[in-house]
Amino acid sequence: QVQLVESGGGLVQPGGSLTLSCAASGSISSKYVMGWYRQAPGNQRELVTRVAGGSTWYLDSVKGRFTMTRDNAKNTVSLQMNSLKPEDTAVYYCYAGFDHEYWGQGTQVTVSS
């Protein structure tokens, strides 16, 4: 059973930056789609970014500000978030999916002055 563990959340002022990291406890095949979702209070969970087959997709509202990287050798993904806005405030979840789905426990990101 693979476990995903996120880290790097916290409180940041608008315009600031944070980097989220996600480490898998076991090997994740490169066939797995990996990505980040987020869920703000009162909202549905939404896909922020995902990488599959060498192609990376981003939610329109984060394009140019967020960058996802994946290291298959280390079984890790990260999310560099720049120019953060209050509307980016949410719990961020790491995700891996193919023939099984795995979710991290979530890490809180709060953007506030």
C-alpha atoms as a PDB file:
ATOM      1  CA  GLN A   1       0.000   0.000   0.000  1.00  0.00           C
ATOM      2  CA  VAL A   2       1.485   3.302  -1.089  1.00  0.00           C
ATOM      3  CA  GLN A   3       1.126   6.331   1.146  1.00  0.00           C
ATOM      4  CA  LEU A   4       1.525   9.912   0.008  1.00  0.00           C
ATOM      5  CA  VAL A   5       2.795  12.431   2.534  1.00  0.00           C
ATOM      6  CA  GLU A   6       2.615  16.159   1.859  1.00  0.00           C
ATOM      7  CA  SER A   7       4.616  18.887   3.511  1.00  0.00           C
ATOM      8  CA  GLY A   8       5.327  22.569   3.058  1.00  0.00           C
ATOM      9  CA  GLY A   9       2.003  24.250   3.711  1.00  0.00           C
ATOM     10  CA  GLY A  10       1.625  27.280   5.918  1.00  0.00           C
ATOM     11  CA  LEU A  11       0.657  30.915   6.190  1.00  0.00           C
ATOM     12  CA  VAL A  12       1.980  33.360   3.610  1.00  0.00           C
ATOM     13  CA  GLN A  13       1.187  36.950   2.680  1.00  0.00           C
ATOM     14  CA  PRO A  14      -0.373  37.779  -0.679  1.00  0.00           C
ATOM     15  CA  GLY A  15       2.317  37.848  -3.331  1.00  0.00           C
ATOM     16  CA  GLY A  16       4.450  35.380  -1.425  1.00  0.00           C
ATOM     17  CA  SER A  17       5.632  31.906  -2.327  1.00  0.00           C
ATOM     18  CA  LEU A  18       5.391  28.403  -0.934  1.00  0.00           C
ATOM     19  CA  THR A  19       6.634  25.037  -2.093  1.00  0.00           C
ATOM     20  CA  LEU A  20       4.628  21.910  -1.379  1.00  0.00           C
ATOM     21  CA  SER A  21       6.245  18.508  -1.483  1.00  0.00           C
ATOM     22  CA  CYS A  22       4.746  15.048  -1.720  1.00  0.00           C
ATOM     23  CA  ALA A  23       6.682  11.873  -1.074  1.00  0.00           C
ATOM     24  CA  ALA A  24       5.426   8.376  -1.808  1.00  0.00           C
ATOM     25  CA  SER A  25       6.256   5.640   0.667  1.00  0.00           C
ATOM     26  CA  GLY A  26       6.667   3.140  -2.151  1.00  0.00           C
ATOM     27  CA  SER A  27       7.406   3.066  -5.836  1.00  0.00           C
ATOM     28  CA  ILE A  28       4.950   4.872  -8.087  1.00  0.00           C
ATOM     29  CA  SER A  29       4.993   3.685 -11.673  1.00  0.00           C
ATOM     30  CA  SER A  30       5.544   6.384 -14.270  1.00  0.00           C
ATOM     31  CA  LYS A  31       2.197   5.230 -15.694  1.00  0.00           C
ATOM     32  CA  TYR A  32       0.490   6.882 -12.738  1.00  0.00           C
ATOM     33  CA  VAL A  33      -0.990  10.313 -13.191  1.00  0.00           C
ATOM     34  CA  MET A  34       0.198  12.500 -10.340  1.00  0.00           C
ATOM     35  CA  GLY A  35      -1.145  15.856  -9.390  1.00  0.00           C
ATOM     36  CA  TRP A  36      -2.376  18.309  -6.830  1.00  0.00           C
ATOM     37  CA  TYR A  37      -5.956  19.069  -5.867  1.00  0.00           C
ATOM     38  CA  ARG A  38      -7.212  21.699  -3.481  1.00  0.00           C
ATOM     39  CA  GLN A  39     -10.357  22.259  -1.496  1.00  0.00           C
ATOM     40  CA  ALA A  40     -11.390  25.556   0.012  1.00  0.00           C
ATOM     41  CA  PRO A  41     -14.082  25.757   2.718  1.00  0.00           C
ATOM     42  CA  GLY A  42     -17.530  25.372   1.190  1.00  0.00           C
ATOM     43  CA  ASN A  43     -16.110  24.429  -2.205  1.00  0.00           C
ATOM     44  CA  GLN A  44     -15.671  21.186  -4.064  1.00  0.00           C
ATOM     45  CA  ARG A  45     -12.226  19.707  -4.441  1.00  0.00           C
ATOM     46  CA  GLU A  46     -10.672  20.946  -7.678  1.00  0.00           C
ATOM     47  CA  LEU A  47      -7.757  19.776  -9.763  1.00  0.00           C
ATOM     48  CA  VAL A  48      -4.931  22.316  -9.707  1.00  0.00           C
ATOM     49  CA  THR A  49      -2.328  20.541 -11.800  1.00  0.00           C
ATOM     50  CA  ARG A  50      -1.434  17.077 -12.996  1.00  0.00           C
ATOM     51  CA  VAL A  51       1.297  15.429 -15.013  1.00  0.00           C
ATOM     52  CA  ALA A  52       0.746  12.423 -17.228  1.00  0.00           C
ATOM     53  CA  GLY A  53       2.790  11.037 -20.064  1.00  0.00           C
ATOM     54  CA  GLY A  54       5.191  13.938 -19.893  1.00  0.00           C
ATOM     55  CA  SER A  55       2.447  16.509 -20.279  1.00  0.00           C
ATOM     56  CA  THR A  56       1.513  18.932 -17.499  1.00  0.00           C
ATOM     57  CA  TRP A  57      -1.883  20.587 -17.176  1.00  0.00           C
ATOM     58  CA  TYR A  58      -2.691  23.591 -14.994  1.00  0.00           C
ATOM     59  CA  LEU A  59      -5.896  25.170 -13.806  1.00  0.00           C
ATOM     60  CA  ASP A  60      -6.293  28.472 -15.647  1.00  0.00           C
ATOM     61  CA  SER A  61      -6.224  30.517 -12.454  1.00  0.00           C
ATOM     62  CA  VAL A  62      -2.762  29.209 -11.496  1.00  0.00           C
ATOM     63  CA  LYS A  63      -1.080  29.211 -14.912  1.00  0.00           C
ATOM     64  CA  GLY A  64       2.139  31.198 -14.837  1.00  0.00           C
ATOM     65  CA  ARG A  65       2.210  31.178 -11.044  1.00  0.00           C
ATOM     66  CA  PHE A  66       2.389  27.487 -10.085  1.00  0.00           C
ATOM     67  CA  THR A  67       4.890  24.924 -11.325  1.00  0.00           C
ATOM     68  CA  MET A  68       4.651  21.210 -10.718  1.00  0.00           C
ATOM     69  CA  THR A  69       7.662  18.956 -10.949  1.00  0.00           C
ATOM     70  CA  ARG A  70       7.905  15.198 -10.743  1.00  0.00           C
ATOM     71  CA  ASP A  71      10.898  13.047  -9.911  1.00  0.00           C
ATOM     72  CA  ASN A  72      10.110   9.438 -10.814  1.00  0.00           C
ATOM     73  CA  ALA A  73      13.414   8.184  -9.433  1.00  0.00           C
ATOM     74  CA  LYS A  74      12.650   9.642  -6.001  1.00  0.00           C
ATOM     75  CA  ASN A  75       8.882   9.065  -6.139  1.00  0.00           C
ATOM     76  CA  THR A  76       8.234  12.688  -5.316  1.00  0.00           C
ATOM     77  CA  VAL A  77       6.287  15.589  -6.730  1.00  0.00           C
ATOM     78  CA  SER A  78       6.449  19.207  -5.744  1.00  0.00           C
ATOM     79  CA  LEU A  79       4.368  22.299  -6.342  1.00  0.00           C
ATOM     80  CA  GLN A  80       6.104  25.652  -6.463  1.00  0.00           C
ATOM     81  CA  MET A  81       3.523  28.371  -5.848  1.00  0.00           C
ATOM     82  CA  ASN A  82       4.436  31.985  -6.565  1.00  0.00           C
ATOM     83  CA  SER A  83       2.471  35.228  -6.483  1.00  0.00           C
ATOM     84  CA  LEU A  84      -0.001  33.647  -4.126  1.00  0.00           C
ATOM     85  CA  LYS A  85      -3.454  35.176  -3.786  1.00  0.00           C
ATOM     86  CA  PRO A  86      -6.030  34.935  -0.990  1.00  0.00           C
ATOM     87  CA  GLU A  87      -8.180  32.804  -3.287  1.00  0.00           C
ATOM     88  CA  ASP A  88      -5.429  30.176  -3.314  1.00  0.00           C
ATOM     89  CA  THR A  89      -6.232  29.472   0.331  1.00  0.00           C
ATOM     90  CA  ALA A  90      -7.233  25.818   0.619  1.00  0.00           C
ATOM     91  CA  VAL A  91      -6.167  22.403   1.773  1.00  0.00           C
ATOM     92  CA  TYR A  92      -3.898  20.979  -0.914  1.00  0.00           C
ATOM     93  CA  TYR A  93      -3.874  17.242  -1.610  1.00  0.00           C
ATOM     94  CA  CYS A  94      -1.337  15.171  -3.472  1.00  0.00           C
ATOM     95  CA  TYR A  95      -2.838  12.547  -5.777  1.00  0.00           C
ATOM     96  CA  ALA A  96      -1.628   9.523  -7.719  1.00  0.00           C
ATOM     97  CA  GLY A  97      -3.884   7.446  -9.919  1.00  0.00           C
ATOM     98  CA  PHE A  98      -3.803   4.664 -12.461  1.00  0.00           C
ATOM     99  CA  ASP A  99      -5.142   1.233 -11.561  1.00  0.00           C
ATOM    100  CA  HIS A 100      -5.364   2.445  -7.961  1.00  0.00           C
ATOM    101  CA  GLU A 101      -5.891   5.857  -6.442  1.00  0.00           C
ATOM    102  CA  TYR A 102      -3.798   7.289  -3.651  1.00  0.00           C
ATOM    103  CA  TRP A 103      -4.337  10.516  -1.738  1.00  0.00           C
ATOM    104  CA  GLY A 104      -2.248  12.407   0.730  1.00  0.00           C
ATOM    105  CA  GLN A 105      -3.641  13.671   4.015  1.00  0.00           C
ATOM    106  CA  GLY A 106      -3.660  17.290   2.851  1.00  0.00           C
ATOM    107  CA  THR A 107      -1.693  20.343   3.844  1.00  0.00           C
ATOM    108  CA  GLN A 108      -3.197  23.737   4.647  1.00  0.00           C
ATOM    109  CA  VAL A 109      -2.169  26.765   2.618  1.00  0.00           C
ATOM    110  CA  THR A 110      -3.411  30.111   3.902  1.00  0.00           C
ATOM    111  CA  VAL A 111      -2.766  33.321   1.992  1.00  0.00           C
ATOM    112  CA  SER A 112      -3.573  36.312   4.136  1.00  0.00           C
ATOM    113  CA  SER A 113      -2.130  39.606   5.281  1.00  0.00           C
END
